[in-house]
N, C-alpha and C. Protein backbone atom coordinates (compact mmCIF):
# COMPACT_ATOMS: atom_id res chain seq x y z
N MET A 1 -123.56 -75.42 89.54
CA MET A 1 -123.66 -76.22 90.72
C MET A 1 -122.96 -75.64 91.49
N THR A 2 -121.84 -75.99 91.37
CA THR A 2 -120.47 -75.03 92.22
C THR A 2 -120.81 -73.52 92.18
N PHE A 3 -121.53 -72.85 91.20
CA PHE A 3 -122.02 -71.25 91.92
C PHE A 3 -122.70 -71.71 92.99
N PHE A 4 -123.65 -72.17 92.70
CA PHE A 4 -124.82 -72.08 93.59
C PHE A 4 -123.80 -72.79 94.92
N LEU A 5 -123.15 -73.91 95.11
CA LEU A 5 -122.42 -74.05 96.60
C LEU A 5 -121.94 -72.80 97.23
N ALA A 6 -120.62 -72.01 96.60
CA ALA A 6 -119.79 -70.81 96.47
C ALA A 6 -121.18 -70.08 97.09
N LEU A 7 -122.38 -69.62 96.78
CA LEU A 7 -123.22 -69.07 96.73
C LEU A 7 -123.88 -68.82 98.62
N ILE A 8 -124.16 -70.59 98.38
CA ILE A 8 -124.63 -70.73 99.68
C ILE A 8 -123.23 -70.10 101.13
N LEU A 9 -122.45 -70.77 100.77
CA LEU A 9 -121.14 -70.59 101.64
C LEU A 9 -121.15 -69.22 101.89
N LEU A 10 -121.28 -68.24 100.88
CA LEU A 10 -121.17 -67.03 100.99
C LEU A 10 -122.37 -66.28 101.86
N VAL A 11 -123.16 -66.97 101.85
CA VAL A 11 -124.59 -66.37 102.73
C VAL A 11 -124.45 -66.74 103.81
N LEU A 12 -124.32 -68.47 104.77
CA LEU A 12 -124.55 -69.06 105.61
C LEU A 12 -123.74 -67.82 106.79
N PRO A 13 -122.26 -67.61 106.41
CA PRO A 13 -121.78 -66.62 107.51
C PRO A 13 -122.56 -65.17 107.91
N THR A 14 -123.04 -64.50 106.94
CA THR A 14 -123.46 -63.88 107.12
C THR A 14 -125.14 -63.61 107.96
N GLN A 15 -125.68 -64.67 107.38
CA GLN A 15 -126.85 -64.88 108.31
C GLN A 15 -126.68 -65.24 109.59
N GLU A 16 -125.84 -66.15 110.13
CA GLU A 16 -125.61 -65.94 111.53
C GLU A 16 -125.10 -64.89 112.24
N SER A 17 -124.13 -64.18 111.54
CA SER A 17 -123.83 -62.87 112.54
C SER A 17 -125.00 -61.96 112.20
N GLU A 18 -125.97 -61.83 111.83
CA GLU A 18 -127.06 -60.88 111.41
C GLU A 18 -127.96 -61.58 112.95
N ALA A 19 -128.02 -62.70 112.75
CA ALA A 19 -129.18 -63.48 113.83
C ALA A 19 -128.36 -62.95 115.30
N LEU A 20 -127.00 -63.28 115.12
CA LEU A 20 -126.35 -62.93 116.31
C LEU A 20 -126.22 -61.26 116.76
N SER A 21 -126.04 -60.77 115.73
CA SER A 21 -126.25 -59.69 115.92
C SER A 21 -127.52 -58.94 116.99
N LYS A 22 -128.52 -59.64 116.17
CA LYS A 22 -130.00 -58.95 116.39
C LYS A 22 -129.98 -59.59 117.96
N ALA A 23 -129.64 -60.74 118.26
CA ALA A 23 -129.98 -61.29 119.72
C ALA A 23 -129.07 -60.30 120.76
N ARG A 24 -127.68 -60.12 120.19
CA ARG A 24 -126.95 -59.25 121.17
C ARG A 24 -127.86 -57.96 121.26
N LYS A 25 -128.19 -57.38 120.58
CA LYS A 25 -129.22 -56.15 120.57
C LYS A 25 -130.00 -56.12 121.21
N LEU A 26 -131.07 -57.23 120.95
CA LEU A 26 -132.30 -57.57 121.97
C LEU A 26 -132.09 -58.15 123.37
N PHE A 27 -130.99 -58.90 123.34
CA PHE A 27 -130.61 -59.24 125.20
C PHE A 27 -130.54 -57.90 125.80
N PHE A 28 -130.07 -57.06 125.61
CA PHE A 28 -129.70 -55.76 126.25
C PHE A 28 -131.23 -54.89 126.53
N GLU A 29 -132.38 -55.70 126.05
CA GLU A 29 -133.28 -55.05 126.00
C GLU A 29 -134.21 -55.61 126.83
N PHE A 30 -134.07 -56.71 127.71
CA PHE A 30 -134.97 -57.51 128.17
C PHE A 30 -135.74 -56.94 129.25
N GLU A 31 -135.19 -55.45 130.06
CA GLU A 31 -135.77 -55.33 130.77
C GLU A 31 -136.85 -53.80 130.70
N GLN A 32 -137.18 -54.06 129.52
CA GLN A 32 -138.37 -53.13 128.44
C GLN A 32 -139.52 -53.75 128.30
N PRO A 33 -140.40 -53.05 128.69
CA PRO A 33 -141.62 -53.87 128.94
C PRO A 33 -141.92 -54.51 127.49
N GLY A 34 -142.64 -55.39 127.55
CA GLY A 34 -142.99 -56.27 126.44
C GLY A 34 -142.46 -57.04 126.10
N CYS A 35 -141.95 -57.90 126.89
CA CYS A 35 -141.25 -59.53 126.47
C CYS A 35 -140.47 -60.00 125.69
N VAL A 36 -139.39 -58.75 125.54
CA VAL A 36 -138.68 -58.87 124.80
C VAL A 36 -137.80 -60.15 124.86
N SER A 37 -137.80 -60.37 125.85
CA SER A 37 -136.98 -61.95 126.02
C SER A 37 -138.20 -63.06 124.89
N GLU A 38 -138.72 -62.82 125.07
CA GLU A 38 -139.99 -64.24 124.74
C GLU A 38 -139.99 -63.51 123.16
N LYS A 39 -139.64 -62.26 123.00
CA LYS A 39 -139.61 -62.16 121.11
C LYS A 39 -138.28 -62.55 120.87
N LEU A 40 -136.93 -62.80 121.39
CA LEU A 40 -135.92 -63.02 121.39
C LEU A 40 -135.91 -64.47 121.12
N PHE A 41 -136.40 -65.49 122.37
CA PHE A 41 -136.64 -66.75 121.74
C PHE A 41 -137.32 -67.08 120.44
N GLU A 42 -138.48 -66.35 120.18
CA GLU A 42 -138.96 -66.96 119.49
C GLU A 42 -138.14 -66.60 118.00
N MET A 43 -137.58 -65.64 117.70
CA MET A 43 -136.79 -65.32 116.08
C MET A 43 -135.65 -66.45 116.76
N LEU A 44 -135.30 -66.40 117.76
CA LEU A 44 -133.68 -67.66 117.60
C LEU A 44 -134.57 -68.80 117.53
N GLN A 45 -135.94 -69.40 117.56
CA GLN A 45 -136.55 -70.61 117.51
C GLN A 45 -136.77 -70.96 116.09
N GLN A 46 -136.75 -69.75 114.97
CA GLN A 46 -136.94 -69.71 113.61
C GLN A 46 -135.77 -69.70 112.86
N THR A 47 -134.66 -69.36 113.63
CA THR A 47 -133.40 -69.23 112.92
C THR A 47 -133.17 -70.64 112.42
N ALA A 48 -132.52 -70.65 111.18
CA ALA A 48 -131.84 -72.08 110.69
C ALA A 48 -130.78 -72.07 111.03
N GLU A 49 -129.62 -71.03 111.99
CA GLU A 49 -128.56 -70.89 111.86
C GLU A 49 -128.11 -71.34 113.36
N LYS A 50 -127.40 -72.51 113.29
CA LYS A 50 -127.26 -73.33 114.59
C LYS A 50 -125.50 -73.07 115.08
N SER A 51 -125.56 -72.55 116.58
CA SER A 51 -124.29 -72.35 116.84
C SER A 51 -124.24 -72.69 118.61
N ASP A 52 -123.08 -72.42 118.87
CA ASP A 52 -123.33 -72.42 120.79
C ASP A 52 -123.70 -71.23 121.35
N VAL A 53 -123.45 -70.25 120.73
CA VAL A 53 -123.69 -68.73 121.20
C VAL A 53 -125.19 -68.66 120.70
N LEU A 54 -125.32 -68.91 119.45
CA LEU A 54 -127.12 -68.85 119.43
C LEU A 54 -127.98 -69.46 120.51
N LEU A 55 -126.75 -71.08 120.81
CA LEU A 55 -127.88 -71.95 121.59
C LEU A 55 -128.17 -71.06 123.06
N ALA A 56 -127.34 -70.00 123.34
CA ALA A 56 -127.16 -69.62 124.78
C ALA A 56 -127.70 -68.67 124.99
N TYR A 57 -128.12 -67.72 123.56
CA TYR A 57 -128.55 -66.86 123.52
C TYR A 57 -130.39 -67.13 123.68
N GLN A 58 -130.58 -68.30 123.19
CA GLN A 58 -132.00 -68.86 123.51
C GLN A 58 -132.28 -69.55 124.46
N GLY A 59 -131.25 -69.83 125.68
CA GLY A 59 -131.59 -69.99 126.79
C GLY A 59 -131.62 -69.56 127.58
N ALA A 60 -131.25 -68.12 127.46
CA ALA A 60 -130.78 -67.02 128.58
C ALA A 60 -132.51 -66.31 127.98
N ALA A 61 -132.69 -66.33 126.74
CA ALA A 61 -134.27 -65.61 126.47
C ALA A 61 -135.26 -66.79 127.07
N GLU A 62 -135.28 -67.84 127.15
CA GLU A 62 -136.00 -68.79 127.86
C GLU A 62 -136.39 -68.44 128.90
N ALA A 63 -135.21 -68.48 129.54
CA ALA A 63 -134.96 -68.53 130.92
C ALA A 63 -135.87 -67.23 131.74
N SER A 64 -135.11 -66.25 130.74
CA SER A 64 -135.44 -64.68 131.27
C SER A 64 -137.04 -64.42 130.85
N SER A 65 -137.60 -65.22 129.58
CA SER A 65 -139.45 -65.39 129.63
C SER A 65 -140.19 -66.03 130.45
N ALA A 66 -139.78 -66.23 131.26
CA ALA A 66 -140.38 -67.22 132.55
C ALA A 66 -141.32 -65.70 133.35
N ASP A 67 -141.00 -64.56 133.57
CA ASP A 67 -141.32 -63.20 133.83
C ASP A 67 -142.88 -63.26 132.89
N CYS A 68 -142.64 -63.47 131.60
CA CYS A 68 -143.61 -63.59 130.88
C CYS A 68 -145.20 -64.42 131.01
N ALA A 69 -144.83 -65.93 131.50
CA ALA A 69 -145.27 -67.12 131.62
C ALA A 69 -146.44 -66.10 133.03
N THR A 70 -148.12 -66.60 132.81
CA THR A 70 -148.97 -66.10 133.81
C THR A 70 -148.65 -67.32 135.42
N PHE A 71 -148.53 -68.52 135.17
CA PHE A 71 -149.20 -69.17 136.24
C PHE A 71 -147.25 -70.19 136.49
N PRO A 72 -147.58 -70.07 137.83
CA PRO A 72 -146.01 -70.39 138.53
C PRO A 72 -145.55 -71.83 137.59
N PHE A 73 -146.02 -72.77 137.61
CA PHE A 73 -145.59 -73.33 136.47
C PHE A 73 -144.83 -73.56 136.06
N ALA A 74 -145.31 -72.77 134.76
CA ALA A 74 -145.14 -72.32 133.55
C ALA A 74 -143.76 -71.65 133.44
N LYS A 75 -143.86 -70.82 134.67
CA LYS A 75 -142.59 -69.87 134.94
C LYS A 75 -141.46 -71.22 135.12
N LEU A 76 -141.64 -71.51 135.93
CA LEU A 76 -140.44 -72.69 136.56
C LEU A 76 -139.83 -73.57 135.28
N LYS A 77 -140.90 -74.27 134.37
CA LYS A 77 -141.07 -75.00 133.31
C LYS A 77 -140.23 -73.91 132.04
N ARG A 78 -140.30 -72.88 131.69
CA ARG A 78 -139.52 -71.83 131.03
C ARG A 78 -138.07 -71.64 131.60
N PHE A 79 -137.73 -71.47 132.69
CA PHE A 79 -136.90 -71.32 133.15
C PHE A 79 -135.90 -72.29 133.43
N ASN A 80 -136.24 -73.60 133.77
CA ASN A 80 -135.32 -74.75 133.48
C ASN A 80 -135.61 -75.30 131.91
N GLN A 81 -136.06 -74.93 131.61
CA GLN A 81 -135.56 -75.48 129.97
C GLN A 81 -134.80 -74.51 129.63
N GLY A 82 -134.80 -73.24 129.85
CA GLY A 82 -133.72 -72.42 129.11
C GLY A 82 -132.34 -72.58 129.95
N LYS A 83 -132.33 -72.43 131.27
CA LYS A 83 -131.17 -73.00 131.91
C LYS A 83 -130.37 -74.69 131.34
N GLY A 84 -131.20 -75.28 130.72
CA GLY A 84 -130.77 -76.42 130.28
C GLY A 84 -130.31 -75.82 129.07
N LYS A 85 -130.81 -75.37 128.08
CA LYS A 85 -129.86 -74.84 126.93
C LYS A 85 -129.03 -74.01 126.90
N LEU A 86 -128.71 -73.46 128.32
CA LEU A 86 -127.53 -72.39 128.71
C LEU A 86 -125.98 -73.45 129.09
N GLU A 87 -126.65 -74.45 129.99
CA GLU A 87 -125.94 -75.01 130.29
C GLU A 87 -124.90 -76.35 129.49
N GLN A 88 -126.07 -76.50 128.11
CA GLN A 88 -125.39 -77.46 127.25
C GLN A 88 -124.58 -76.41 126.45
N ALA A 89 -124.87 -75.43 126.16
CA ALA A 89 -124.02 -74.20 125.56
C ALA A 89 -122.86 -74.38 126.27
N VAL A 90 -122.70 -73.77 127.37
CA VAL A 90 -121.44 -73.98 128.21
C VAL A 90 -120.93 -75.32 128.34
N LYS A 91 -121.41 -76.49 128.08
CA LYS A 91 -120.62 -77.75 128.48
C LYS A 91 -120.07 -78.02 126.85
N ASN A 92 -120.57 -77.33 125.44
CA ASN A 92 -120.14 -77.49 124.20
C ASN A 92 -119.16 -76.77 124.02
N ASP A 93 -119.05 -75.41 124.63
CA ASP A 93 -117.45 -74.68 124.84
C ASP A 93 -117.64 -73.96 126.04
N PRO A 94 -116.78 -74.21 126.92
CA PRO A 94 -116.80 -74.06 128.05
C PRO A 94 -115.51 -72.98 128.45
N PHE A 95 -115.21 -72.12 127.19
CA PHE A 95 -114.42 -71.10 127.78
C PHE A 95 -114.54 -70.15 126.64
N ASN A 96 -115.66 -70.05 125.96
CA ASN A 96 -116.39 -68.71 125.28
C ASN A 96 -116.93 -67.66 126.05
N ALA A 97 -116.55 -66.55 126.55
CA ALA A 97 -116.77 -65.78 127.33
C ALA A 97 -118.06 -65.34 127.17
N GLU A 98 -118.78 -65.39 125.84
CA GLU A 98 -119.69 -64.49 125.72
C GLU A 98 -121.06 -65.71 126.20
N ILE A 99 -120.84 -66.75 126.01
CA ILE A 99 -121.95 -67.58 126.52
C ILE A 99 -121.74 -67.67 127.89
N ARG A 100 -120.51 -67.31 128.37
CA ARG A 100 -120.25 -67.61 129.94
C ARG A 100 -121.16 -66.33 130.78
N PHE A 101 -120.88 -65.13 129.82
CA PHE A 101 -121.56 -64.10 130.14
C PHE A 101 -123.34 -64.25 129.96
N LEU A 102 -123.57 -64.84 129.09
CA LEU A 102 -125.08 -64.92 129.36
C LEU A 102 -125.29 -65.82 130.56
N ARG A 103 -124.65 -66.99 130.68
CA ARG A 103 -125.03 -67.75 131.76
C ARG A 103 -125.11 -67.06 133.10
N PHE A 104 -124.12 -66.17 133.28
CA PHE A 104 -123.65 -65.22 134.20
C PHE A 104 -124.93 -64.23 134.50
N SER A 105 -125.30 -63.92 133.46
CA SER A 105 -126.60 -62.44 133.63
C SER A 105 -127.61 -63.47 134.29
N ILE A 106 -128.22 -64.64 134.13
CA ILE A 106 -129.27 -65.17 134.53
C ILE A 106 -128.99 -65.72 135.62
N GLN A 107 -127.94 -66.23 135.95
CA GLN A 107 -127.49 -66.78 137.55
C GLN A 107 -127.95 -65.66 138.65
N SER A 108 -126.96 -64.20 138.26
CA SER A 108 -126.79 -63.55 138.65
C SER A 108 -128.30 -62.37 139.15
N LYS A 109 -129.21 -62.52 138.33
CA LYS A 109 -130.47 -62.01 138.65
C LYS A 109 -131.67 -63.00 138.98
N ALA A 110 -131.30 -64.39 139.25
CA ALA A 110 -131.63 -65.53 139.23
C ALA A 110 -132.48 -65.49 140.81
N PRO A 111 -133.97 -65.48 140.76
CA PRO A 111 -134.17 -65.87 142.27
C PRO A 111 -133.66 -66.83 143.33
N GLY A 112 -133.08 -66.79 144.47
CA GLY A 112 -132.58 -67.49 145.47
C GLY A 112 -133.04 -68.90 145.49
N PHE A 113 -134.69 -68.87 145.64
CA PHE A 113 -135.05 -70.64 145.63
C PHE A 113 -134.73 -71.31 144.22
N LEU A 114 -134.44 -70.51 143.32
CA LEU A 114 -134.45 -71.48 142.15
C LEU A 114 -132.65 -72.07 142.46
N ASN A 115 -131.62 -71.99 142.82
CA ASN A 115 -130.84 -72.31 143.14
C ASN A 115 -129.95 -72.39 141.77
N TYR A 116 -129.55 -71.66 141.37
CA TYR A 116 -128.72 -71.60 140.05
C TYR A 116 -127.71 -70.28 140.09
N THR A 117 -127.17 -70.24 140.82
CA THR A 117 -126.11 -69.17 141.23
C THR A 117 -124.75 -70.08 141.10
N ASP A 118 -124.37 -71.25 140.90
CA ASP A 118 -123.06 -71.75 141.27
C ASP A 118 -122.12 -71.86 140.73
N ALA A 119 -121.84 -70.92 139.24
CA ALA A 119 -121.09 -70.38 138.67
C ALA A 119 -120.72 -69.20 138.52
N VAL A 120 -121.45 -68.04 139.09
CA VAL A 120 -121.37 -66.79 139.09
C VAL A 120 -119.66 -65.98 139.24
N ASP A 121 -119.19 -66.61 139.61
CA ASP A 121 -118.13 -65.64 140.67
C ASP A 121 -117.20 -66.38 139.36
N GLN A 122 -116.87 -67.61 138.91
CA GLN A 122 -116.15 -68.14 138.22
C GLN A 122 -116.32 -67.86 136.72
N ASP A 123 -117.54 -67.55 136.13
CA ASP A 123 -118.08 -67.03 134.95
C ASP A 123 -117.99 -65.11 135.27
N PHE A 124 -117.79 -64.91 136.32
CA PHE A 124 -117.53 -63.19 136.47
C PHE A 124 -115.70 -63.31 135.80
N ASP A 125 -115.01 -64.05 136.62
CA ASP A 125 -113.70 -64.00 136.56
C ASP A 125 -113.39 -64.25 134.89
N LEU A 126 -113.86 -65.24 134.38
CA LEU A 126 -113.77 -65.70 133.17
C LEU A 126 -113.93 -64.26 132.13
N ILE A 127 -114.89 -63.61 132.35
CA ILE A 127 -115.50 -62.83 131.49
C ILE A 127 -114.49 -61.39 131.66
N ILE A 128 -114.18 -61.17 132.76
CA ILE A 128 -113.09 -60.26 132.82
C ILE A 128 -111.70 -60.50 132.19
N SER A 129 -111.10 -61.74 132.43
CA SER A 129 -109.72 -62.13 131.96
C SER A 129 -110.30 -61.88 130.28
N SER A 130 -111.02 -62.28 129.81
CA SER A 130 -110.98 -62.23 128.21
C SER A 130 -111.58 -60.79 127.82
N LEU A 131 -112.27 -60.16 128.49
CA LEU A 131 -111.97 -59.11 128.08
C LEU A 131 -110.35 -57.89 128.02
N ALA A 132 -110.17 -58.55 129.36
CA ALA A 132 -108.96 -57.58 129.59
C ALA A 132 -107.65 -58.23 128.61
N ASP A 133 -107.96 -59.84 127.92
CA ASP A 133 -107.41 -59.87 126.71
C ASP A 133 -107.64 -59.83 125.72
N LYS A 134 -108.73 -59.04 125.37
CA LYS A 134 -109.17 -58.34 124.04
C LYS A 134 -109.13 -59.20 123.27
N ASN A 135 -109.96 -60.52 123.20
CA ASN A 135 -110.54 -61.31 122.51
C ASN A 135 -111.38 -60.70 121.23
N ASP A 136 -111.39 -61.83 120.25
CA ASP A 136 -111.79 -60.87 119.12
C ASP A 136 -113.28 -61.17 118.98
N GLN A 137 -113.95 -61.82 120.03
CA GLN A 137 -115.60 -61.60 120.36
C GLN A 137 -116.00 -60.54 121.18
N TRP A 138 -114.98 -59.91 121.52
CA TRP A 138 -115.27 -58.54 122.03
C TRP A 138 -114.91 -56.94 120.88
N GLN A 139 -114.93 -57.76 119.71
CA GLN A 139 -114.68 -56.58 118.54
C GLN A 139 -115.70 -55.30 118.66
N GLU A 140 -116.96 -55.70 118.34
CA GLU A 140 -118.10 -55.12 118.60
C GLU A 140 -118.16 -54.37 119.85
N GLU A 141 -118.00 -53.30 119.50
CA GLU A 141 -117.75 -51.86 120.61
C GLU A 141 -119.26 -52.06 121.36
N THR A 142 -119.93 -51.53 120.87
CA THR A 142 -121.65 -51.39 121.72
C THR A 142 -121.92 -52.39 122.56
N PHE A 143 -121.21 -53.68 121.69
CA PHE A 143 -121.88 -55.05 122.69
C PHE A 143 -121.04 -55.24 123.88
N LYS A 144 -119.86 -54.89 123.61
CA LYS A 144 -118.46 -54.65 124.82
C LYS A 144 -119.09 -53.97 125.77
N ASN A 145 -119.13 -52.78 125.23
CA ASN A 145 -119.95 -51.43 126.42
C ASN A 145 -120.87 -52.13 127.05
N ASN A 146 -122.08 -52.81 126.50
CA ASN A 146 -123.21 -53.22 127.43
C ASN A 146 -122.61 -54.51 128.36
N VAL A 147 -121.70 -54.96 127.96
CA VAL A 147 -121.25 -55.94 128.53
C VAL A 147 -120.56 -55.38 130.15
N ILE A 148 -120.06 -55.08 129.64
CA ILE A 148 -118.59 -54.08 130.87
C ILE A 148 -120.18 -53.68 131.85
N LYS A 149 -120.89 -52.73 131.30
CA LYS A 149 -121.78 -52.09 132.43
C LYS A 149 -122.40 -53.12 133.09
N PHE A 150 -122.92 -54.16 132.09
CA PHE A 150 -123.72 -55.11 133.13
C PHE A 150 -123.20 -55.75 134.41
N LEU A 151 -121.85 -55.61 133.69
CA LEU A 151 -120.67 -56.35 135.08
C LEU A 151 -120.44 -55.34 136.23
N LEU A 152 -120.34 -53.97 135.60
CA LEU A 152 -120.44 -53.04 136.51
C LEU A 152 -121.69 -52.81 137.71
N ALA A 153 -122.80 -52.98 137.60
CA ALA A 153 -124.32 -52.90 137.91
C ALA A 153 -123.97 -54.09 138.77
N TYR A 154 -123.34 -55.59 138.51
CA TYR A 154 -123.83 -56.60 139.22
C TYR A 154 -123.13 -55.74 140.92
N SER A 155 -123.87 -56.57 141.51
CA SER A 155 -123.60 -56.45 143.32
C SER A 155 -122.26 -56.55 143.74
N GLY A 156 -122.02 -58.21 143.16
CA GLY A 156 -120.75 -59.07 143.37
C GLY A 156 -119.17 -58.06 143.05
N THR A 157 -119.50 -56.99 142.27
CA THR A 157 -118.04 -56.53 141.66
C THR A 157 -117.52 -55.45 142.97
N THR A 158 -116.31 -56.31 142.86
CA THR A 158 -115.39 -55.37 143.94
C THR A 158 -114.92 -54.27 143.34
N ASP A 159 -114.54 -53.13 144.46
CA ASP A 159 -114.29 -52.05 144.04
C ASP A 159 -112.52 -52.26 142.81
N GLN A 160 -112.23 -53.02 143.20
CA GLN A 160 -110.75 -53.14 142.34
C GLN A 160 -111.62 -54.03 141.03
N GLN A 161 -112.26 -55.13 140.79
CA GLN A 161 -112.58 -55.16 139.44
C GLN A 161 -113.74 -53.92 138.72
N ALA A 162 -114.37 -53.34 139.59
CA ALA A 162 -114.52 -52.33 138.83
C ALA A 162 -114.00 -51.13 138.42
N ASP A 163 -112.83 -51.00 138.89
CA ASP A 163 -111.66 -49.90 138.24
C ASP A 163 -111.44 -50.44 137.10
N VAL A 164 -111.02 -51.57 136.92
CA VAL A 164 -110.67 -52.37 136.01
C VAL A 164 -111.82 -52.54 134.69
N LEU A 165 -112.83 -52.42 135.29
CA LEU A 165 -113.92 -52.47 134.44
C LEU A 165 -114.46 -51.20 133.49
N ARG A 166 -114.29 -50.22 134.33
CA ARG A 166 -113.95 -48.44 134.26
C ARG A 166 -112.87 -48.05 133.21
N LYS A 167 -112.06 -48.53 133.40
CA LYS A 167 -110.51 -48.42 132.60
C LYS A 167 -111.31 -48.81 131.36
N MET A 168 -111.68 -50.41 130.62
CA MET A 168 -112.06 -50.86 129.77
C MET A 168 -112.61 -49.85 129.44
N LEU A 169 -113.87 -49.41 129.90
CA LEU A 169 -114.72 -48.61 129.19
C LEU A 169 -114.65 -47.69 128.70
N ASN A 170 -113.29 -46.95 129.26
CA ASN A 170 -112.72 -45.69 128.99
C ASN A 170 -111.84 -45.64 127.95
N ASP A 171 -110.99 -46.99 127.58
CA ASP A 171 -109.98 -47.28 126.62
C ASP A 171 -111.17 -47.64 125.38
N LYS A 172 -110.46 -46.61 124.48
CA LYS A 172 -111.00 -46.83 122.98
C LYS A 172 -110.00 -46.83 122.28
């Protein structure tokens, strides 16, 4: 019995990190054809592991998968459900920069008529501060670089912020 319990405790963190690793990879493939966001959403629904970060990825994937829906009402429903999951993740862990990045990514690309841009500046500032502090969540180099490139592509990035981000991208 003790061996079985120890085995479960050793396997669970690996599964979560595997799900998180897949989510991080697929997230940056959303722009590719084939509704990758919908695939990520479905994968995360089937994952037994639960965390606020995975909830945020599920919300971002669901909100982004609105583009995959055919009818306007279905698009709006998916977006709002995903938005709800994102906001719940932020409420549960408000200083988690990865969660805030996911919300930022959705808000910065959301059409204006959806009125979902209220935290863009706050999220952007928290993400840059977290990157500058070299927090543990930015240890995965590919993920960190993808986040920085995403922030650099954001139209609201000032020249000063862009300089800081480029320096982070070039510091290895």
